[in-house]
C-alpha atoms as a PDB file:
ATOM      1  CA  MET A   1      -7.817  40.741  16.371  1.00  0.00           C
ATOM      2  CA  GLU A   2      -7.537  37.466  18.231  1.00  0.00           C
ATOM      3  CA  VAL A   3     -10.140  36.602  20.872  1.00  0.00           C
ATOM      4  CA  MET A   4      -9.250  33.877  23.344  1.00  0.00           C
ATOM      5  CA  ILE A   5     -11.929  31.162  23.393  1.00  0.00           C
ATOM      6  CA  CYS A   6     -10.345  28.310  25.325  1.00  0.00           C
ATOM      7  CA  GLY A   7     -12.011  27.495  28.589  1.00  0.00           C
ATOM      8  CA  HIS A   8     -15.403  28.847  27.483  1.00  0.00           C
ATOM      9  CA  PHE A   9     -17.019  25.610  26.347  1.00  0.00           C
ATOM     10  CA  PRO A  10     -19.788  24.628  28.764  1.00  0.00           C
ATOM     11  CA  TYR A  11     -19.435  20.858  28.575  1.00  0.00           C
ATOM     12  CA  SER A  12     -16.669  18.761  30.030  1.00  0.00           C
ATOM     13  CA  PRO A  13     -15.362  15.883  27.836  1.00  0.00           C
ATOM     14  CA  LEU A  14     -17.305  13.340  29.880  1.00  0.00           C
ATOM     15  CA  SER A  15     -20.485  15.382  30.198  1.00  0.00           C
ATOM     16  CA  PRO A  16     -23.771  13.665  29.300  1.00  0.00           C
ATOM     17  CA  LEU A  17     -24.140  16.405  26.662  1.00  0.00           C
ATOM     18  CA  SER A  18     -21.012  15.347  24.815  1.00  0.00           C
ATOM     19  CA  SER A  19     -22.564  13.201  22.078  1.00  0.00           C
ATOM     20  CA  SER A  20     -25.757  12.615  20.153  1.00  0.00           C
ATOM     21  CA  SER A  21     -26.331   9.300  21.908  1.00  0.00           C
ATOM     22  CA  TYR A  22     -26.439  11.127  25.233  1.00  0.00           C
ATOM     23  CA  HIS A  23     -28.893  13.678  23.805  1.00  0.00           C
ATOM     24  CA  LEU A  24     -31.274  10.823  23.010  1.00  0.00           C
ATOM     25  CA  SER A  25     -31.118   9.579  26.578  1.00  0.00           C
ATOM     26  CA  ILE A  26     -31.866  12.984  28.028  1.00  0.00           C
ATOM     27  CA  SER A  27     -34.731  13.776  25.645  1.00  0.00           C
ATOM     28  CA  THR A  28     -36.418  10.422  26.416  1.00  0.00           C
ATOM     29  CA  PRO A  29     -35.810  10.011  30.140  1.00  0.00           C
ATOM     30  CA  SER A  30     -37.160   6.514  30.669  1.00  0.00           C
ATOM     31  CA  ARG A  31     -35.433   4.505  33.386  1.00  0.00           C
ATOM     32  CA  SER A  32     -34.060   1.925  30.927  1.00  0.00           C
ATOM     33  CA  ARG A  33     -32.661   4.582  28.615  1.00  0.00           C
ATOM     34  CA  LEU A  34     -31.047   6.463  31.468  1.00  0.00           C
ATOM     35  CA  GLN A  35     -29.526   3.230  32.751  1.00  0.00           C
ATOM     36  CA  LEU A  36     -28.234   2.414  29.263  1.00  0.00           C
ATOM     37  CA  SER A  37     -26.800   5.918  28.921  1.00  0.00           C
ATOM     38  CA  ALA A  38     -25.073   5.675  32.288  1.00  0.00           C
ATOM     39  CA  CYS A  39     -23.685   2.247  31.393  1.00  0.00           C
ATOM     40  CA  TRP A  40     -22.396   3.494  28.036  1.00  0.00           C
ATOM     41  CA  LYS A  41     -20.847   6.554  29.649  1.00  0.00           C
ATOM     42  CA  SER A  42     -19.105   4.344  32.191  1.00  0.00           C
ATOM     43  CA  VAL A  43     -17.703   2.123  29.442  1.00  0.00           C
ATOM     44  CA  MET A  44     -16.460   5.165  27.501  1.00  0.00           C
ATOM     45  CA  GLU A  45     -14.803   6.630  30.578  1.00  0.00           C
ATOM     46  CA  THR A  46     -13.118   3.307  31.346  1.00  0.00           C
ATOM     47  CA  HIS A  47     -11.790   2.899  27.800  1.00  0.00           C
ATOM     48  CA  HIS A  48     -10.607   6.517  27.740  1.00  0.00           C
ATOM     49  CA  ASN A  49      -8.841   6.272  31.101  1.00  0.00           C
ATOM     50  CA  GLN A  50      -7.223   2.908  30.381  1.00  0.00           C
ATOM     51  CA  GLY A  51      -5.896   4.090  27.037  1.00  0.00           C
ATOM     52  CA  ARG A  52      -4.721   7.421  28.418  1.00  0.00           C
ATOM     53  CA  THR A  53      -2.859   5.736  31.286  1.00  0.00           C
ATOM     54  CA  LYS A  54      -1.113   3.344  28.919  1.00  0.00           C
ATOM     55  CA  PHE A  55      -0.196   6.154  26.539  1.00  0.00           C
ATOM     56  CA  LEU A  56       1.335   8.283  29.298  1.00  0.00           C
ATOM     57  CA  GLU A  57       3.597   5.449  30.448  1.00  0.00           C
ATOM     58  CA  PHE A  58       6.112   6.013  27.625  1.00  0.00           C
ATOM     59  CA  PRO A  59       7.832   2.857  28.904  1.00  0.00           C
ATOM     60  CA  PHE A  60      10.693   2.603  26.412  1.00  0.00           C
ATOM     61  CA  VAL A  61      12.186   6.091  26.460  1.00  0.00           C
ATOM     62  CA  SER A  62      14.512   7.842  28.891  1.00  0.00           C
ATOM     63  CA  GLY A  63      13.399   9.919  31.862  1.00  0.00           C
ATOM     64  CA  PRO A  64      13.930  13.339  30.216  1.00  0.00           C
ATOM     65  CA  HIS A  65      12.226  12.117  27.046  1.00  0.00           C
ATOM     66  CA  LYS A  66       9.194  10.865  29.001  1.00  0.00           C
ATOM     67  CA  ASN A  67       9.027  14.060  31.072  1.00  0.00           C
ATOM     68  CA  LEU A  68       8.951  16.094  27.862  1.00  0.00           C
ATOM     69  CA  MET A  69       6.105  14.086  26.337  1.00  0.00           C
ATOM     70  CA  VAL A  70       4.004  14.044  29.509  1.00  0.00           C
ATOM     71  CA  ASP A  71       4.490  17.796  29.957  1.00  0.00           C
ATOM     72  CA  LEU A  72       3.511  18.598  26.360  1.00  0.00           C
ATOM     73  CA  PHE A  73       0.454  16.349  26.393  1.00  0.00           C
ATOM     74  CA  SER A  74      -0.702  17.537  29.822  1.00  0.00           C
ATOM     75  CA  THR A  75      -0.300  21.185  28.790  1.00  0.00           C
ATOM     76  CA  LEU A  76      -2.318  20.646  25.627  1.00  0.00           C
ATOM     77  CA  GLU A  77      -4.995  18.547  27.350  1.00  0.00           C
ATOM     78  CA  ASN A  78      -5.391  20.908  30.310  1.00  0.00           C
ATOM     79  CA  ARG A  79      -5.711  23.970  28.081  1.00  0.00           C
ATOM     80  CA  LEU A  80      -8.190  22.376  25.658  1.00  0.00           C
ATOM     81  CA  HIS A  81      -9.922  20.090  28.161  1.00  0.00           C
ATOM     82  CA  SER A  82     -13.400  21.625  27.887  1.00  0.00           C
ATOM     83  CA  GLN A  83     -13.262  21.393  24.088  1.00  0.00           C
ATOM     84  CA  LEU A  84     -12.318  17.713  23.842  1.00  0.00           C
ATOM     85  CA  LEU A  85     -14.348  14.527  23.862  1.00  0.00           C
ATOM     86  CA  PRO A  86     -12.884  11.346  25.386  1.00  0.00           C
ATOM     87  CA  CYS A  87     -10.907   8.910  23.271  1.00  0.00           C
ATOM     88  CA  SER A  88     -13.309   6.300  21.901  1.00  0.00           C
ATOM     89  CA  LEU A  89     -10.881   4.102  19.967  1.00  0.00           C
ATOM     90  CA  PRO A  90     -11.194   0.352  20.616  1.00  0.00           C
ATOM     91  CA  LEU A  91      -8.783  -0.790  23.305  1.00  0.00           C
ATOM     92  CA  ASP A  92      -6.928  -3.032  20.842  1.00  0.00           C
ATOM     93  CA  VAL A  93      -6.274   0.068  18.725  1.00  0.00           C
ATOM     94  CA  GLN A  94      -5.391   2.348  21.637  1.00  0.00           C
ATOM     95  CA  HIS A  95      -2.671  -0.149  22.518  1.00  0.00           C
ATOM     96  CA  TYR A  96      -1.368  -2.975  20.375  1.00  0.00           C
ATOM     97  CA  GLN A  97       1.668  -5.232  20.483  1.00  0.00           C
ATOM     98  CA  THR A  98       2.741  -8.083  18.253  1.00  0.00           C
ATOM     99  CA  GLN A  99       2.586 -11.656  19.533  1.00  0.00           C
ATOM    100  CA  THR A 100       6.378 -11.683  19.862  1.00  0.00           C
ATOM    101  CA  GLY A 101       6.337  -8.380  21.739  1.00  0.00           C
ATOM    102  CA  THR A 102       8.955  -6.908  19.431  1.00  0.00           C
ATOM    103  CA  ALA A 103       6.708  -4.009  18.358  1.00  0.00           C
ATOM    104  CA  GLN A 104       4.187  -1.974  20.339  1.00  0.00           C
ATOM    105  CA  LEU A 105       1.952   0.998  19.666  1.00  0.00           C
ATOM    106  CA  SER A 106      -0.018   3.335  21.928  1.00  0.00           C
ATOM    107  CA  LEU A 107      -2.507   5.688  20.287  1.00  0.00           C
ATOM    108  CA  HIS A 108      -4.647   8.345  21.968  1.00  0.00           C
ATOM    109  CA  ILE A 109      -7.027  10.481  19.881  1.00  0.00           C
ATOM    110  CA  ARG A 110      -9.466  12.994  21.350  1.00  0.00           C
ATOM    111  CA  PRO A 111     -11.899  14.679  18.937  1.00  0.00           C
ATOM    112  CA  GLY A 112     -13.190  18.176  19.533  1.00  0.00           C
ATOM    113  CA  HIS A 113     -16.743  19.136  20.398  1.00  0.00           C
ATOM    114  CA  THR A 114     -18.970  20.166  17.487  1.00  0.00           C
ATOM    115  CA  ASP A 115     -18.689  23.868  18.386  1.00  0.00           C
ATOM    116  CA  SER A 116     -14.941  23.734  18.931  1.00  0.00           C
ATOM    117  CA  PRO A 117     -12.318  24.780  16.345  1.00  0.00           C
ATOM    118  CA  ILE A 118     -10.358  21.689  17.399  1.00  0.00           C
ATOM    119  CA  ASP A 119     -10.842  18.805  14.992  1.00  0.00           C
ATOM    120  CA  PHE A 120      -8.805  16.366  17.094  1.00  0.00           C
ATOM    121  CA  VAL A 121      -5.578  15.956  19.035  1.00  0.00           C
ATOM    122  CA  LEU A 122      -3.434  12.885  18.611  1.00  0.00           C
ATOM    123  CA  GLY A 123      -0.680  11.451  20.775  1.00  0.00           C
ATOM    124  CA  SER A 124       1.224   8.257  20.072  1.00  0.00           C
ATOM    125  CA  TRP A 125       4.308   6.240  20.754  1.00  0.00           C
ATOM    126  CA  VAL A 126       5.782   3.395  18.725  1.00  0.00           C
ATOM    127  CA  HIS A 127       8.455   0.977  19.899  1.00  0.00           C
ATOM    128  CA  SER A 128      10.097  -1.577  17.646  1.00  0.00           C
ATOM    129  CA  GLU A 129      13.083  -3.788  18.343  1.00  0.00           C
ATOM    130  CA  LEU A 130      15.558  -3.692  15.465  1.00  0.00           C
ATOM    131  CA  PRO A 131      17.002  -6.871  13.903  1.00  0.00           C
ATOM    132  CA  THR A 132      20.485  -5.375  14.235  1.00  0.00           C
ATOM    133  CA  GLY A 133      20.008  -4.713  17.957  1.00  0.00           C
ATOM    134  CA  GLY A 134      18.688  -1.696  19.773  1.00  0.00           C
ATOM    135  CA  SER A 135      15.268  -0.253  19.093  1.00  0.00           C
ATOM    136  CA  LEU A 136      13.354   2.401  17.202  1.00  0.00           C
ATOM    137  CA  ASP A 137      11.220   4.694  19.369  1.00  0.00           C
ATOM    138  CA  ILE A 138       8.911   7.344  17.952  1.00  0.00           C
ATOM    139  CA  THR A 139       6.870   9.682  20.143  1.00  0.00           C
ATOM    140  CA  SER A 140       4.516  12.237  18.646  1.00  0.00           C
ATOM    141  CA  LEU A 141       1.867  14.805  19.482  1.00  0.00           C
ATOM    142  CA  SER A 142      -0.310  16.688  16.998  1.00  0.00           C
ATOM    143  CA  GLY A 143      -3.165  19.149  17.097  1.00  0.00           C
ATOM    144  CA  TYR A 144      -5.509  19.493  14.118  1.00  0.00           C
ATOM    145  CA  LEU A 145      -7.944  22.372  13.612  1.00  0.00           C
ATOM    146  CA  ASN A 146     -11.144  22.230  11.567  1.00  0.00           C
ATOM    147  CA  SER A 147     -12.343  24.560   8.824  1.00  0.00           C
ATOM    148  CA  SER A 148     -13.870  27.063  11.269  1.00  0.00           C
ATOM    149  CA  ASN A 149     -10.311  28.163  12.084  1.00  0.00           C
ATOM    150  CA  ASP A 150      -7.677  28.843   9.399  1.00  0.00           C
ATOM    151  CA  ALA A 151      -4.683  28.848  11.760  1.00  0.00           C
ATOM    152  CA  PRO A 152      -1.806  26.353  11.451  1.00  0.00           C
ATOM    153  CA  ASN A 153      -1.811  22.906  13.031  1.00  0.00           C
ATOM    154  CA  PHE A 154       0.745  21.686  15.593  1.00  0.00           C
ATOM    155  CA  VAL A 155       3.175  18.832  14.971  1.00  0.00           C
ATOM    156  CA  PHE A 156       5.796  17.339  17.296  1.00  0.00           C
ATOM    157  CA  GLU A 157       7.690  14.130  16.609  1.00  0.00           C
ATOM    158  CA  MET A 158      10.861  12.701  18.087  1.00  0.00           C
ATOM    159  CA  ILE A 159      12.516   9.659  16.528  1.00  0.00           C
ATOM    160  CA  ARG A 160      15.270   7.767  18.337  1.00  0.00           C
ATOM    161  CA  SER A 161      17.194   4.763  17.039  1.00  0.00           C
ATOM    162  CA  SER A 162      19.953   4.850  19.649  1.00  0.00           C
ATOM    163  CA  PRO A 163      20.762   6.643  22.932  1.00  0.00           C
ATOM    164  CA  THR A 164      23.061   8.993  21.017  1.00  0.00           C
ATOM    165  CA  MET A 165      20.936   9.916  17.985  1.00  0.00           C
ATOM    166  CA  LEU A 166      17.532  11.493  17.506  1.00  0.00           C
ATOM    167  CA  ILE A 167      15.530  13.354  14.892  1.00  0.00           C
ATOM    168  CA  LEU A 168      13.193  16.146  15.974  1.00  0.00           C
ATOM    169  CA  ILE A 169      10.348  17.601  13.924  1.00  0.00           C
ATOM    170  CA  LEU A 170       8.560  20.551  15.531  1.00  0.00           C
ATOM    171  CA  ASP A 171       6.358  22.773  13.427  1.00  0.00           C
ATOM    172  CA  LEU A 172       3.182  24.760  12.960  1.00  0.00           C
ATOM    173  CA  PRO A 173       2.403  23.654   9.381  1.00  0.00           C
ATOM    174  CA  PRO A 174       0.436  26.319   7.513  1.00  0.00           C
ATOM    175  CA  ARG A 175      -2.990  25.417   6.155  1.00  0.00           C
ATOM    176  CA  LYS A 176      -3.030  28.188   3.558  1.00  0.00           C
ATOM    177  CA  ASP A 177      -0.507  29.310   0.949  1.00  0.00           C
ATOM    178  CA  LEU A 178       1.586  31.933   2.719  1.00  0.00           C
ATOM    179  CA  LEU A 179       2.367  33.697  -0.546  1.00  0.00           C
ATOM    180  CA  LEU A 180      -1.322  34.209  -1.237  1.00  0.00           C
ATOM    181  CA  TRP A 181      -2.115  35.036   2.404  1.00  0.00           C
ATOM    182  CA  PRO A 182       0.877  37.131   3.572  1.00  0.00           C
ATOM    183  CA  ASP A 183      -1.017  38.262   6.683  1.00  0.00           C
ATOM    184  CA  ASP A 184      -0.827  34.673   7.944  1.00  0.00           C
ATOM    185  CA  LEU A 185       2.941  34.718   7.535  1.00  0.00           C
ATOM    186  CA  LYS A 186       3.107  37.819   9.702  1.00  0.00           C
ATOM    187  CA  THR A 187       0.509  36.748  12.288  1.00  0.00           C
ATOM    188  CA  PHE A 188       1.635  33.179  12.931  1.00  0.00           C
ATOM    189  CA  TYR A 189       5.354  33.185  12.137  1.00  0.00           C
ATOM    190  CA  GLU A 190       6.860  36.678  12.221  1.00  0.00           C
ATOM    191  CA  ASP A 191       4.940  38.297  15.090  1.00  0.00           C
ATOM    192  CA  THR A 192       5.271  35.163  17.258  1.00  0.00           C
ATOM    193  CA  GLN A 193       9.051  35.058  16.636  1.00  0.00           C
ATOM    194  CA  LEU A 194       8.998  31.316  15.935  1.00  0.00           C
ATOM    195  CA  GLU A 195      12.260  31.649  14.059  1.00  0.00           C
ATOM    196  CA  THR A 196      14.115  32.514  17.259  1.00  0.00           C
ATOM    197  CA  HIS A 197      13.337  29.060  18.704  1.00  0.00           C
ATOM    198  CA  ARG A 198      14.701  27.307  15.628  1.00  0.00           C
ATOM    199  CA  GLN A 199      17.846  29.433  15.749  1.00  0.00           C
ATOM    200  CA  ALA A 200      18.315  28.782  19.482  1.00  0.00           C
ATOM    201  CA  LEU A 201      18.262  25.015  18.983  1.00  0.00           C
ATOM    202  CA  GLU A 202      20.601  25.149  16.003  1.00  0.00           C
ATOM    203  CA  ARG A 203      23.220  26.878  18.164  1.00  0.00           C
ATOM    204  CA  VAL A 204      23.645  23.642  20.134  1.00  0.00           C
ATOM    205  CA  PRO A 205      26.879  22.103  18.716  1.00  0.00           C
ATOM    206  CA  GLU A 206      25.457  18.610  18.248  1.00  0.00           C
ATOM    207  CA  VAL A 207      22.442  19.826  16.254  1.00  0.00           C
ATOM    208  CA  GLN A 208      22.455  19.462  12.468  1.00  0.00           C
ATOM    209  CA  PRO A 209      19.764  20.199   9.875  1.00  0.00           C
ATOM    210  CA  TYR A 210      17.619  17.210   8.945  1.00  0.00           C
ATOM    211  CA  PHE A 211      16.237  16.765   5.442  1.00  0.00           C
ATOM    212  CA  SER A 212      13.344  14.352   5.275  1.00  0.00           C
ATOM    213  CA  PRO A 213      13.546  11.872   2.395  1.00  0.00           C
ATOM    214  CA  SER A 214       9.842  12.634   1.825  1.00  0.00           C
ATOM    215  CA  LEU A 215       9.377  15.621  -0.464  1.00  0.00           C
ATOM    216  CA  PHE A 216       5.760  15.686   0.701  1.00  0.00           C
ATOM    217  CA  ILE A 217       6.843  16.401   4.286  1.00  0.00           C
ATOM    218  CA  ARG A 218       9.183  19.152   3.119  1.00  0.00           C
ATOM    219  CA  THR A 219       6.405  20.674   1.010  1.00  0.00           C
ATOM    220  CA  VAL A 220       3.875  21.042   3.846  1.00  0.00           C
ATOM    221  CA  ALA A 221       6.374  22.377   6.411  1.00  0.00           C
ATOM    222  CA  SER A 222       6.408  26.006   7.476  1.00  0.00           C
ATOM    223  CA  PRO A 223       9.345  28.401   6.898  1.00  0.00           C
ATOM    224  CA  THR A 224      10.184  28.218  10.618  1.00  0.00           C
ATOM    225  CA  ALA A 225       9.962  24.421  10.910  1.00  0.00           C
ATOM    226  CA  ILE A 226      12.444  22.778  13.267  1.00  0.00           C
ATOM    227  CA  MET A 227      13.749  19.669  11.519  1.00  0.00           C
ATOM    228  CA  VAL A 228      17.026  18.631  13.074  1.00  0.00           C
ATOM    229  CA  ARG A 229      19.222  15.605  13.618  1.00  0.00           C
ATOM    230  CA  ILE A 230      21.088  15.463  16.910  1.00  0.00           C
ATOM    231  CA  LEU A 231      24.089  13.188  17.251  1.00  0.00           C
ATOM    232  CA  THR A 232      26.262  12.948  20.351  1.00  0.00           C
ATOM    233  CA  GLU A 233      29.562  11.092  20.591  1.00  0.00           C
ATOM    234  CA  ASP A 234      29.472   7.315  20.925  1.00  0.00           C
ATOM    235  CA  GLY A 235      28.639   6.280  24.453  1.00  0.00           C
ATOM    236  CA  ASP A 236      27.660   9.795  25.484  1.00  0.00           C
ATOM    237  CA  GLY A 237      23.993   9.153  26.154  1.00  0.00           C
ATOM    238  CA  GLU A 238      24.085  11.529  29.106  1.00  0.00           C
ATOM    239  CA  ARG A 239      24.819  14.442  26.783  1.00  0.00           C
ATOM    240  CA  MET A 240      21.751  13.569  24.711  1.00  0.00           C
ATOM    241  CA  GLU A 241      19.549  13.554  27.824  1.00  0.00           C
ATOM    242  CA  GLU A 242      20.999  16.935  28.771  1.00  0.00           C
ATOM    243  CA  ILE A 243      20.076  18.326  25.343  1.00  0.00           C
ATOM    244  CA  ILE A 244      16.535  16.978  25.662  1.00  0.00           C
ATOM    245  CA  ARG A 245      16.152  18.381  29.167  1.00  0.00           C
ATOM    246  CA  ASN A 246      17.784  21.800  28.686  1.00  0.00           C
ATOM    247  CA  HIS A 247      17.041  22.629  25.057  1.00  0.00           C
ATOM    248  CA  ILE A 248      14.388  20.491  23.340  1.00  0.00           C
ATOM    249  CA  HIS A 249      11.986  20.508  26.301  1.00  0.00           C
ATOM    250  CA  PRO A 250      11.768  24.288  26.875  1.00  0.00           C
ATOM    251  CA  ILE A 251      11.741  25.122  23.162  1.00  0.00           C
ATOM    252  CA  SER A 252       8.991  22.586  22.434  1.00  0.00           C
ATOM    253  CA  LYS A 253       6.940  23.893  25.356  1.00  0.00           C
ATOM    254  CA  GLN A 254       7.266  27.463  24.066  1.00  0.00           C
ATOM    255  CA  VAL A 255       6.246  26.500  20.523  1.00  0.00           C
ATOM    256  CA  LEU A 256       3.233  24.592  21.859  1.00  0.00           C
ATOM    257  CA  GLY A 257       2.306  27.651  23.926  1.00  0.00           C
ATOM    258  CA  ILE A 258       2.411  29.811  20.803  1.00  0.00           C
ATOM    259  CA  TRP A 259       0.103  27.380  19.013  1.00  0.00           C
ATOM    260  CA  LEU A 260      -2.351  27.311  21.910  1.00  0.00           C
ATOM    261  CA  ASP A 261      -2.402  31.105  22.327  1.00  0.00           C
ATOM    262  CA  HIS A 262      -2.382  32.249  18.707  1.00  0.00           C
ATOM    263  CA  CYS A 263      -3.963  29.340  16.824  1.00  0.00           C
ATOM    264  CA  ALA A 264      -6.079  26.865  18.788  1.00  0.00           C
ATOM    265  CA  CYS A 265      -7.505  29.415  21.230  1.00  0.00           C
ATOM    266  CA  ALA A 266      -7.747  32.411  18.921  1.00  0.00           C
ATOM    267  CA  LYS A 267     -11.116  33.075  17.293  1.00  0.00           C
ATOM    268  CA  ARG A 268     -10.631  33.522  13.563  1.00  0.00           C
ATOM    269  CA  GLU A 269     -13.102  34.864  11.031  1.00  0.00           C
ATOM    270  CA  VAL A 270     -13.347  32.328   8.189  1.00  0.00           C
ATOM    271  CA  GLY A 271     -15.580  32.931   5.177  1.00  0.00           C
ATOM    272  CA  GLU A 272     -17.430  30.262   3.249  1.00  0.00           C
ATOM    273  CA  ALA A 273     -14.922  30.234   0.378  1.00  0.00           C
ATOM    274  CA  GLU A 274     -11.985  29.967   2.770  1.00  0.00           C
ATOM    275  CA  SER A 275     -13.702  27.190   4.695  1.00  0.00           C
ATOM    276  CA  SER A 276     -14.189  25.201   1.480  1.00  0.00           C
ATOM    277  CA  TYR A 277     -10.547  25.768   0.576  1.00  0.00           C
ATOM    278  CA  LEU A 278      -9.408  24.567   4.006  1.00  0.00           C
ATOM    279  CA  LYS A 279     -11.533  21.419   3.821  1.00  0.00           C
ATOM    280  CA  LYS A 280     -10.103  20.533   0.425  1.00  0.00           C
ATOM    281  CA  ARG A 281      -6.486  21.237   1.387  1.00  0.00           C
ATOM    282  CA  ASP A 282      -6.738  19.548   4.785  1.00  0.00           C
ATOM    283  CA  GLY A 283      -8.332  16.518   3.148  1.00  0.00           C
ATOM    284  CA  LEU A 284      -5.553  16.197   0.581  1.00  0.00           C
ATOM    285  CA  ILE A 285      -2.780  16.512   3.164  1.00  0.00           C
ATOM    286  CA  ARG A 286      -4.353  14.073   5.618  1.00  0.00           C
ATOM    287  CA  SER A 287      -5.035  11.499   2.890  1.00  0.00           C
ATOM    288  CA  LYS A 288      -1.431  11.789   1.785  1.00  0.00           C
ATOM    289  CA  THR A 289      -0.268  11.407   5.378  1.00  0.00           C
ATOM    290  CA  ILE A 290      -2.161   8.124   5.670  1.00  0.00           C
ATOM    291  CA  GLU A 291      -0.782   6.943   2.337  1.00  0.00           C
ATOM    292  CA  VAL A 292       2.851   8.018   2.700  1.00  0.00           C
ATOM    293  CA  ASP A 293       3.403   7.448   6.405  1.00  0.00           C
ATOM    294  CA  LEU A 294       0.995   5.077   8.114  1.00  0.00           C
ATOM    295  CA  SER A 295      -0.046   2.730   5.295  1.00  0.00           C
ATOM    296  CA  SER A 296       3.563   2.081   4.351  1.00  0.00           C
ATOM    297  CA  SER A 297       5.215   1.772   7.771  1.00  0.00           C
ATOM    298  CA  PHE A 298       2.581   0.120   9.962  1.00  0.00           C
ATOM    299  CA  PRO A 299       2.371  -3.195   8.014  1.00  0.00           C
ATOM    300  CA  ARG A 300       6.126  -3.636   8.389  1.00  0.00           C
ATOM    301  CA  LEU A 301       5.906  -3.066  12.120  1.00  0.00           C
ATOM    302  CA  PHE A 302       2.656  -4.777  13.105  1.00  0.00           C
ATOM    303  CA  GLY A 303       1.664  -7.055  10.232  1.00  0.00           C
ATOM    304  CA  THR A 304      -0.969  -6.411   7.582  1.00  0.00           C
ATOM    305  CA  GLU A 305      -4.086  -7.381   9.543  1.00  0.00           C
ATOM    306  CA  ALA A 306      -3.329  -5.313  12.658  1.00  0.00           C
ATOM    307  CA  ALA A 307      -2.010  -2.397  10.600  1.00  0.00           C
ATOM    308  CA  ASN A 308      -5.185  -2.284   8.505  1.00  0.00           C
ATOM    309  CA  ARG A 309      -7.340  -2.265  11.641  1.00  0.00           C
ATOM    310  CA  ILE A 310      -5.356   0.567  13.202  1.00  0.00           C
ATOM    311  CA  VAL A 311      -5.199   2.657  10.023  1.00  0.00           C
ATOM    312  CA  GLU A 312      -8.923   2.227   9.359  1.00  0.00           C
ATOM    313  CA  ALA A 313      -9.706   3.463  12.871  1.00  0.00           C
ATOM    314  CA  MET A 314      -7.478   6.489  12.329  1.00  0.00           C
ATOM    315  CA  LYS A 315      -9.063   7.288   8.965  1.00  0.00           C
ATOM    316  CA  GLU A 316     -12.284   8.206  10.769  1.00  0.00           C
ATOM    317  CA  TYR A 317     -10.434  11.229  12.110  1.00  0.00           C
ATOM    318  CA  PHE A 318      -8.076  11.977   9.216  1.00  0.00           C
ATOM    319  CA  ILE A 319     -10.583  11.911   6.367  1.00  0.00           C
ATOM    320  CA  VAL A 320     -12.220  15.335   6.061  1.00  0.00           C
END
């Protein structure tokens, strides 16, 4: 039986009770400590708000594409708001661009409170001008749960290299072997009818299956994963925006809603052995994600020094 827990956490993300450093200030209420705490809180709020504003600009994508990303992120943030701490990444990691301005990154990570099943949520966009002309734009949103909850994570990524071509990855990747835990297959994939959303999108004429060149990505995907390549006729960028607006947007919103209702906000009973299993499996997958995806692509986009700084900051969240 699933018990809804979202909205029942007593502390807002910017509450003085949100971190151990704030606890120190409250337990020793000298004027200097309280002033220091207030100053630190103000700095954290400023960094969080500046980074969030920059992230939500999505300056290089089309109107329907931006509307989709803002809607997904706002839905996730509003639903989980009381469970999330503010983003504390350094400003030069929250947003970075090369000296030539040919590549930019915006990164927004919000960890969960200690008592929350949310480990962290991550939103990002990457823009890179291509040597052959045009640009590569990647927008993504992910939700990661910790070992107190054995439900799947949430992954959304849209990759565009032209106005008439995009790749969409939308999935609730399982965190347990579905053959060994068949109840999870029923609870998270069959009963929620996730397959109907994949089938609905594949009925759009321009949609084709997409097979990632990474066998690792294919291995961790769920049986209902949406991995598609959408290609419209040359010059028909309007048709692509129509597909984003009328098909990708509502389907993505519905899948996110399923994750929020049945995974992130559902109280799950997890035993000690299962928790240990989840920690080990999550750790392996996240380490591989850093190795296969970020550590290989970021140096090419941003240079070795900046890429190392960004990846090291992200490892604090990805390493279990």
